[in-house]
């Protein structure tokens, strides 16, 4: 029995996923509003031919469920693939709309059940929606009714919250985590610590963002040189995905592939997956060390700066967006992250320069100056 099953027969249901999962959030597009279904069909065929079976979509992924109905569901027997979908309570206007999401998703995807159904993107700031709407019991009800086969959740919160959830909800059969070598010790993401919680509970894990939204497919030049020297023929993305897939307890690593080229590259090393060896792990440690010393805002994400802010600014999230630009040179990606950071909150340019945040910061960061830089760069 594979090590990720922890020797526990109750987890054997997830042993046939395939080590690579097809994340359906970034499907190829004809234009900004139209998914290229014909190209998606080709990708599905390559994926299935390689012996991979795990497809991951969500109610919140615009057009994804409809596209996968056409590219997969209507073209392959239902027992040939494993289809995952998700319920996002934060995006629903009320409990009734949240509970109706599965009906919408089943219709869009053209299936009578989902193999695995997630409560979507749980974190410390939105867990109240899932609790208040009774969605944990609702997931158990859906399983009893046969509309879903297995219960899980995707997670972006603290290890303390994850521990509490797994203690409180023994019905959970799988957790999806953000794991990549850049975020392994990131105090905001806490990849290593969250994975350790799942390992402690013997809960299988699938991984999202192994390439950190594409950033590790094009890392800083010093890391590119390091990786090329170690393995000239390996893509930068392959280092990141294999690192994630090599962790104990990990069943499947998702990749949000948007082209046949990306898919074929991923399949070239994931079809017959080999974990990182000792020498390769040493290379990743060096890459992580380079990232830790890179030009960046040294915010630890403690959030001490936020209570008392007169404009209720999400300062750590703004700094996370700025670091995408500082560390990776990706202005487009940094602006996208910034839009998420200020959604429903204040812009960096709306800082009143009161200084309460700087007085509260345990790192003694010049926060006002950094916010001015963020406003100039990202707005």
Protein backbone atom coordinates (compact mmCIF):
# COMPACT_ATOMS: atom_id res chain seq x y z
CA UNK A 1 0.00 0.00 0.00
CA UNK A 2 1.37 3.44 -0.95
CA UNK A 3 2.80 5.56 1.83
CA UNK A 4 0.23 8.33 1.33
CA UNK A 5 -2.54 6.00 2.49
CA UNK A 6 -0.87 5.78 5.92
CA UNK A 7 -1.50 2.03 5.91
CA UNK A 8 -5.17 2.77 6.53
CA UNK A 9 -7.69 0.86 4.41
CA UNK A 10 -10.33 3.56 4.87
CA UNK A 11 -8.27 5.82 2.58
CA UNK A 12 -7.94 3.30 -0.22
CA UNK A 13 -10.77 5.01 -2.13
CA UNK A 14 -8.36 7.74 -3.25
CA UNK A 15 -5.55 5.48 -4.46
CA UNK A 16 -6.62 5.54 -8.10
CA UNK A 17 -6.65 9.29 -8.72
CA UNK A 18 -3.32 9.47 -10.52
CA UNK A 19 -0.50 11.61 -9.18
CA UNK A 20 -1.36 14.55 -11.45
CA UNK A 21 -4.77 16.23 -11.23
CA UNK A 22 -6.28 18.42 -13.95
CA UNK A 23 -7.22 21.73 -12.35
CA UNK A 24 -9.98 23.29 -14.45
CA UNK A 25 -9.72 26.91 -13.34
CA UNK A 26 -7.37 28.03 -16.13
CA UNK A 27 -8.70 26.22 -19.21
CA UNK A 28 -7.61 27.48 -22.67
CA UNK A 29 -9.71 30.34 -23.98
CA UNK A 30 -10.67 31.67 -27.38
CA UNK A 31 -11.07 35.09 -25.80
CA UNK A 32 -11.51 36.54 -22.32
CA UNK A 33 -15.07 35.24 -22.01
CA UNK A 34 -15.01 31.98 -24.00
CA UNK A 35 -13.35 28.67 -23.07
CA UNK A 36 -11.89 26.78 -26.03
CA UNK A 37 -13.82 23.52 -25.64
CA UNK A 38 -12.18 21.82 -28.62
CA UNK A 39 -8.71 22.45 -27.22
CA UNK A 40 -9.94 21.29 -23.81
CA UNK A 41 -11.12 18.03 -25.40
CA UNK A 42 -7.60 17.40 -26.73
CA UNK A 43 -6.16 18.02 -23.29
CA UNK A 44 -8.68 15.69 -21.67
CA UNK A 45 -7.79 12.96 -24.17
CA UNK A 46 -4.05 13.31 -23.47
CA UNK A 47 -4.71 13.26 -19.74
CA UNK A 48 -6.90 10.16 -19.83
CA UNK A 49 -4.54 8.34 -22.19
CA UNK A 50 -1.75 8.87 -19.65
CA UNK A 51 -3.78 7.05 -16.98
CA UNK A 52 -4.80 10.15 -15.03
CA UNK A 53 -8.39 10.43 -13.82
CA UNK A 54 -8.75 13.37 -11.40
CA UNK A 55 -10.59 16.50 -12.63
CA UNK A 56 -11.14 19.48 -10.33
CA UNK A 57 -13.72 22.19 -10.98
CA UNK A 58 -15.93 24.49 -8.87
CA UNK A 59 -19.20 26.39 -8.91
CA UNK A 60 -17.10 29.58 -8.79
CA UNK A 61 -14.93 28.75 -11.87
CA UNK A 62 -16.62 30.68 -14.66
CA UNK A 63 -17.56 28.36 -17.54
CA UNK A 64 -15.48 25.45 -16.22
CA UNK A 65 -18.32 23.08 -15.29
CA UNK A 66 -20.04 23.55 -18.64
CA UNK A 67 -16.78 23.04 -20.52
CA UNK A 68 -15.90 19.84 -18.70
CA UNK A 69 -19.38 18.48 -19.40
CA UNK A 70 -18.68 18.84 -23.12
CA UNK A 71 -15.02 17.79 -23.05
CA UNK A 72 -15.21 14.90 -20.56
CA UNK A 73 -18.63 13.90 -19.24
CA UNK A 74 -20.32 13.58 -22.63
CA UNK A 75 -17.35 11.71 -24.13
CA UNK A 76 -16.24 9.17 -21.49
CA UNK A 77 -18.05 6.58 -19.32
CA UNK A 78 -18.83 7.98 -15.87
CA UNK A 79 -16.77 5.35 -14.09
CA UNK A 80 -13.62 6.30 -16.03
CA UNK A 81 -12.99 9.61 -14.26
CA UNK A 82 -13.10 11.20 -10.81
CA UNK A 83 -14.88 14.59 -10.80
CA UNK A 84 -14.46 17.09 -7.97
CA UNK A 85 -16.63 20.16 -7.41
CA UNK A 86 -16.92 22.81 -4.68
CA UNK A 87 -19.45 24.85 -2.70
CA UNK A 88 -18.39 28.44 -1.94
CA UNK A 89 -20.46 29.83 0.93
CA UNK A 90 -18.75 33.23 0.94
CA UNK A 91 -19.95 33.94 -2.60
CA UNK A 92 -23.59 33.06 -1.85
CA UNK A 93 -26.03 35.76 -0.73
CA UNK A 94 -27.61 33.49 1.89
CA UNK A 95 -27.89 29.91 3.15
CA UNK A 96 -30.47 28.87 0.54
CA UNK A 97 -28.28 30.04 -2.32
CA UNK A 98 -25.25 28.30 -0.82
CA UNK A 99 -27.12 25.01 -0.56
CA UNK A 100 -28.45 25.37 -4.10
CA UNK A 101 -24.95 25.61 -5.59
CA UNK A 102 -24.69 21.83 -5.92
CA UNK A 103 -27.89 21.71 -7.98
CA UNK A 104 -26.46 24.31 -10.34
CA UNK A 105 -23.12 22.48 -10.51
CA UNK A 106 -24.64 19.05 -11.18
CA UNK A 107 -26.71 20.50 -14.02
CA UNK A 108 -23.79 22.40 -15.55
CA UNK A 109 -21.48 19.38 -15.35
CA UNK A 110 -24.14 16.97 -16.61
CA UNK A 111 -23.67 14.38 -13.86
CA UNK A 112 -25.92 12.90 -11.19
CA UNK A 113 -23.19 12.90 -8.50
CA UNK A 114 -19.73 14.25 -7.73
CA UNK A 115 -17.06 11.83 -6.59
CA UNK A 116 -15.72 14.39 -4.13
CA UNK A 117 -17.37 17.60 -2.96
CA UNK A 118 -15.43 20.35 -1.20
CA UNK A 119 -16.44 23.18 1.04
CA UNK A 120 -14.43 25.74 -0.89
CA UNK A 121 -11.49 27.94 0.20
CA UNK A 122 -12.07 27.76 3.95
CA UNK A 123 -10.01 30.20 5.98
CA UNK A 124 -10.14 31.99 9.32
CA UNK A 125 -12.05 34.92 7.80
CA UNK A 126 -14.91 32.95 6.22
CA UNK A 127 -15.40 29.87 8.40
CA UNK A 128 -18.45 31.48 10.04
CA UNK A 129 -20.41 31.21 6.78
CA UNK A 130 -19.85 27.45 6.59
CA UNK A 131 -20.79 26.98 10.23
CA UNK A 132 -23.77 29.35 10.28
CA UNK A 133 -25.28 27.87 7.12
CA UNK A 134 -25.02 24.32 8.50
CA UNK A 135 -22.94 23.18 5.53
CA UNK A 136 -21.07 20.43 7.37
CA UNK A 137 -24.32 18.59 8.08
CA UNK A 138 -25.52 19.47 4.59
CA UNK A 139 -22.47 17.74 3.07
CA UNK A 140 -23.28 14.61 5.09
CA UNK A 141 -26.87 14.80 3.84
CA UNK A 142 -25.68 15.06 0.23
CA UNK A 143 -23.54 11.97 0.75
CA UNK A 144 -26.46 10.04 2.24
CA UNK A 145 -28.58 11.04 -0.77
CA UNK A 146 -25.90 9.81 -3.19
CA UNK A 147 -25.32 13.21 -4.78
CA UNK A 148 -21.73 13.14 -3.58
CA UNK A 149 -19.49 10.18 -2.79
CA UNK A 150 -16.87 11.75 -0.51
CA UNK A 151 -16.57 14.92 1.63
CA UNK A 152 -13.62 17.29 1.78
CA UNK A 153 -12.64 20.94 1.91
CA UNK A 154 -10.01 23.20 0.38
CA UNK A 155 -8.14 25.29 2.89
CA UNK A 156 -6.25 28.60 3.10
CA UNK A 157 -6.27 29.19 6.85
CA UNK A 158 -4.15 28.69 9.94
CA UNK A 159 -2.91 25.35 11.28
CA UNK A 160 -4.90 26.03 14.46
CA UNK A 161 -8.16 26.31 12.49
CA UNK A 162 -7.30 23.22 10.46
CA UNK A 163 -6.66 21.24 13.64
CA UNK A 164 -9.99 22.35 15.08
CA UNK A 165 -11.89 21.46 11.91
CA UNK A 166 -10.42 17.97 11.64
CA UNK A 167 -11.17 17.34 15.32
CA UNK A 168 -14.76 18.57 14.94
CA UNK A 169 -15.57 16.91 11.62
CA UNK A 170 -14.53 13.24 11.39
CA UNK A 171 -16.69 12.98 8.25
CA UNK A 172 -13.98 14.83 6.28
CA UNK A 173 -12.16 12.38 4.02
CA UNK A 174 -9.67 14.62 2.20
CA UNK A 175 -8.21 18.13 2.44
CA UNK A 176 -6.82 20.29 -0.36
CA UNK A 177 -3.89 22.52 0.64
CA UNK A 178 -1.70 25.15 -0.98
CA UNK A 179 1.74 23.54 -0.99
CA UNK A 180 4.82 24.78 -2.85
CA UNK A 181 8.46 25.26 -2.00
CA UNK A 182 8.15 29.06 -1.93
CA UNK A 183 5.35 28.95 0.67
CA UNK A 184 6.74 26.06 2.70
CA UNK A 185 7.63 28.34 5.63
CA UNK A 186 5.62 31.39 4.53
CA UNK A 187 3.98 32.70 7.73
CA UNK A 188 0.84 33.66 5.82
CA UNK A 189 0.35 30.37 3.90
CA UNK A 190 2.07 27.95 6.34
CA UNK A 191 2.31 25.09 3.84
CA UNK A 192 4.52 22.87 5.99
CA UNK A 193 2.54 23.38 9.18
CA UNK A 194 -0.83 22.73 7.55
CA UNK A 195 0.43 19.58 5.87
CA UNK A 196 1.74 18.37 9.24
CA UNK A 197 -1.77 18.72 10.71
CA UNK A 198 -3.23 16.50 7.99
CA UNK A 199 -0.42 13.99 8.43
CA UNK A 200 -1.14 13.86 12.16
CA UNK A 201 -4.80 13.07 11.43
CA UNK A 202 -3.95 10.62 8.63
CA UNK A 203 -6.07 12.67 6.22
CA UNK A 204 -5.09 12.34 2.53
CA UNK A 205 -4.15 15.61 0.83
CA UNK A 206 -4.47 16.99 -2.67
CA UNK A 207 -2.39 20.02 -3.53
CA UNK A 208 -3.28 23.30 -5.24
CA UNK A 209 -0.92 26.05 -6.38
CA UNK A 210 2.21 23.85 -6.55
CA UNK A 211 3.74 26.40 -8.94
CA UNK A 212 2.37 29.37 -6.93
CA UNK A 213 0.07 30.62 -9.67
CA UNK A 214 2.78 30.15 -12.31
CA UNK A 215 5.46 32.14 -10.48
CA UNK A 216 7.69 29.11 -9.91
CA UNK A 217 7.49 28.24 -13.61
CA UNK A 218 9.45 31.44 -14.15
CA UNK A 219 11.40 31.98 -10.92
CA UNK A 220 14.05 34.66 -10.29
CA UNK A 221 17.13 34.32 -12.49
CA UNK A 222 19.39 33.11 -9.67
CA UNK A 223 17.03 30.19 -9.08
CA UNK A 224 16.75 29.51 -12.81
CA UNK A 225 20.54 29.24 -12.99
CA UNK A 226 20.59 26.92 -9.96
CA UNK A 227 17.95 24.59 -11.38
CA UNK A 228 19.49 24.53 -14.87
CA UNK A 229 22.86 23.64 -13.42
CA UNK A 230 21.36 20.77 -11.43
CA UNK A 231 19.17 19.35 -14.23
CA UNK A 232 19.47 21.14 -17.59
CA UNK A 233 16.58 19.22 -19.17
CA UNK A 234 14.01 19.67 -16.38
CA UNK A 235 11.48 22.49 -16.59
CA UNK A 236 11.28 24.94 -13.70
CA UNK A 237 7.66 23.93 -13.15
CA UNK A 238 8.65 20.26 -12.83
CA UNK A 239 10.83 21.04 -9.81
CA UNK A 240 7.91 22.72 -8.06
CA UNK A 241 5.33 20.06 -8.89
CA UNK A 242 7.62 17.16 -7.98
CA UNK A 243 8.48 18.86 -4.68
CA UNK A 244 4.78 19.04 -3.82
CA UNK A 245 4.07 15.49 -4.98
CA UNK A 246 6.97 14.10 -2.93
CA UNK A 247 5.45 15.02 0.43
CA UNK A 248 4.04 12.28 2.64
CA UNK A 249 0.27 12.10 2.62
CA UNK A 250 -0.11 13.72 -0.80
CA UNK A 251 -2.34 11.78 -3.16
CA UNK A 252 -2.58 14.12 -6.14
CA UNK A 253 -1.07 17.44 -7.22
CA UNK A 254 -3.31 19.73 -9.23
CA UNK A 255 -2.01 21.76 -12.11
CA UNK A 256 -4.20 24.45 -13.66
CA UNK A 257 -3.13 23.65 -17.20
CA UNK A 258 -4.21 25.90 -20.06
CA UNK A 259 -2.41 24.36 -23.04
CA UNK A 260 -1.40 21.01 -24.48
CA UNK A 261 2.22 22.06 -24.13
CA UNK A 262 1.85 22.54 -20.38
CA UNK A 263 0.00 19.26 -20.05
CA UNK A 264 2.53 17.25 -22.02
CA UNK A 265 5.37 18.74 -19.99
CA UNK A 266 3.62 17.80 -16.73
CA UNK A 267 2.78 14.30 -17.94
CA UNK A 268 6.40 13.72 -19.01
CA UNK A 269 7.51 13.49 -15.37
CA UNK A 270 4.24 12.74 -13.56
CA UNK A 271 3.03 9.74 -15.58
CA UNK A 272 5.76 7.63 -13.97
CA UNK A 273 6.32 9.84 -10.96
CA UNK A 274 9.59 9.65 -9.05
CA UNK A 275 9.91 11.57 -5.75
CA UNK A 276 12.75 14.05 -5.35
CA UNK A 277 15.96 12.35 -4.29
CA UNK A 278 18.32 13.68 -1.61
CA UNK A 279 20.38 15.71 -4.06
CA UNK A 280 17.28 17.27 -5.63
CA UNK A 281 15.89 18.14 -2.20
CA UNK A 282 19.14 19.95 -1.46
CA UNK A 283 18.67 22.00 -4.62
CA UNK A 284 15.15 22.97 -3.52
CA UNK A 285 16.50 24.01 -0.12
CA UNK A 286 18.97 26.29 -1.88
CA UNK A 287 16.21 27.72 -4.06
CA UNK A 288 14.08 28.41 -0.99
CA UNK A 289 17.03 30.09 0.70
CA UNK A 290 17.48 32.36 -2.33
CA UNK A 291 13.81 33.32 -2.19
CA UNK A 292 14.04 34.08 1.52
CA UNK A 293 16.89 36.55 0.86
CA UNK A 294 15.31 38.13 -2.20
CA UNK A 295 14.23 41.75 -2.33
CA UNK A 296 10.94 41.71 -0.50
CA UNK A 297 8.86 43.32 2.21
CA UNK A 298 9.70 41.29 5.32
CA UNK A 299 6.11 41.11 6.55
CA UNK A 300 5.35 37.99 8.58
CA UNK A 301 1.58 38.29 8.18
CA UNK A 302 0.95 38.64 11.93
CA UNK A 303 -1.80 41.25 11.28
CA UNK A 304 -0.86 43.29 14.38
CA UNK A 305 -0.95 46.35 12.12
CA UNK A 306 -4.63 46.01 11.25
CA UNK A 307 -6.62 46.51 14.50
CA UNK A 308 -7.12 50.25 14.91
CA UNK A 309 -6.42 51.12 11.27
CA UNK A 310 -8.88 53.97 10.63
CA UNK A 311 -9.48 52.88 7.01
CA UNK A 312 -9.51 49.11 7.76
CA UNK A 313 -6.75 48.39 5.25
CA UNK A 314 -5.62 44.79 4.60
CA UNK A 315 -1.94 45.72 4.88
CA UNK A 316 -0.36 42.21 4.90
CA UNK A 317 -2.32 41.22 1.77
CA UNK A 318 -1.14 44.36 -0.02
CA UNK A 319 2.43 43.50 0.91
CA UNK A 320 1.97 39.94 -0.37
CA UNK A 321 0.97 41.42 -3.73
CA UNK A 322 3.98 43.75 -3.75
CA UNK A 323 6.31 40.84 -3.05
CA UNK A 324 5.08 39.10 -6.20
CA UNK A 325 6.51 42.06 -8.11
CA UNK A 326 9.64 42.50 -5.99
CA UNK A 327 10.64 38.82 -5.95
CA UNK A 328 9.45 37.60 -9.33
CA UNK A 329 9.21 40.73 -11.48
CA UNK A 330 5.62 39.83 -12.42
CA UNK A 331 3.81 43.16 -12.47
CA UNK A 332 0.70 41.70 -14.12
CA UNK A 333 0.39 39.00 -11.46
CA UNK A 334 1.13 41.50 -8.68
CA UNK A 335 -1.65 43.81 -9.87
CA UNK A 336 -4.05 40.86 -9.96
CA UNK A 337 -3.13 39.92 -6.39
CA UNK A 338 -3.50 43.56 -5.37
CA UNK A 339 -7.04 43.72 -6.75
CA UNK A 340 -7.92 40.73 -4.56
CA UNK A 341 -6.21 42.32 -1.56
CA UNK A 342 -8.17 45.59 -1.75
CA UNK A 343 -11.51 44.08 -2.79
CA UNK A 344 -14.00 45.37 -0.23
CA UNK A 345 -11.23 47.20 1.60
CA UNK A 346 -9.09 50.33 1.23
CA UNK A 347 -6.53 51.09 -1.46
CA UNK A 348 -2.92 51.60 -0.45
CA UNK A 349 -3.26 55.22 -1.60
CA UNK A 350 -5.99 55.79 1.00
CA UNK A 351 -3.52 55.48 3.88
CA UNK A 352 -3.94 58.44 6.27
CA UNK A 353 -0.31 58.29 7.50
CA UNK A 354 -1.48 58.10 11.11
CA UNK A 355 1.34 55.71 11.98
CA UNK A 356 -0.58 53.38 14.31
CA UNK A 357 0.42 50.40 12.16
CA UNK A 358 4.13 51.19 12.40
CA UNK A 359 3.86 51.43 16.17
CA UNK A 360 2.23 47.99 16.29
CA UNK A 361 4.55 46.20 13.83
CA UNK A 362 6.87 43.73 15.64
CA UNK A 363 9.20 43.82 12.63
CA UNK A 364 9.49 47.64 12.81
CA UNK A 365 8.69 47.91 9.11
CA UNK A 366 8.31 51.35 7.46
CA UNK A 367 4.73 50.46 6.56
CA UNK A 368 3.67 53.91 5.37
CA UNK A 369 6.58 54.06 2.92
CA UNK A 370 5.80 50.56 1.64
CA UNK A 371 2.13 51.48 1.12
CA UNK A 372 3.17 54.54 -0.88
CA UNK A 373 5.36 52.27 -3.03
CA UNK A 374 2.46 49.85 -3.50
CA UNK A 375 0.16 52.68 -4.57
CA UNK A 376 2.69 53.92 -7.14
CA UNK A 377 3.37 50.43 -8.47
CA UNK A 378 0.06 48.62 -8.38
CA UNK A 379 -2.72 51.19 -8.71
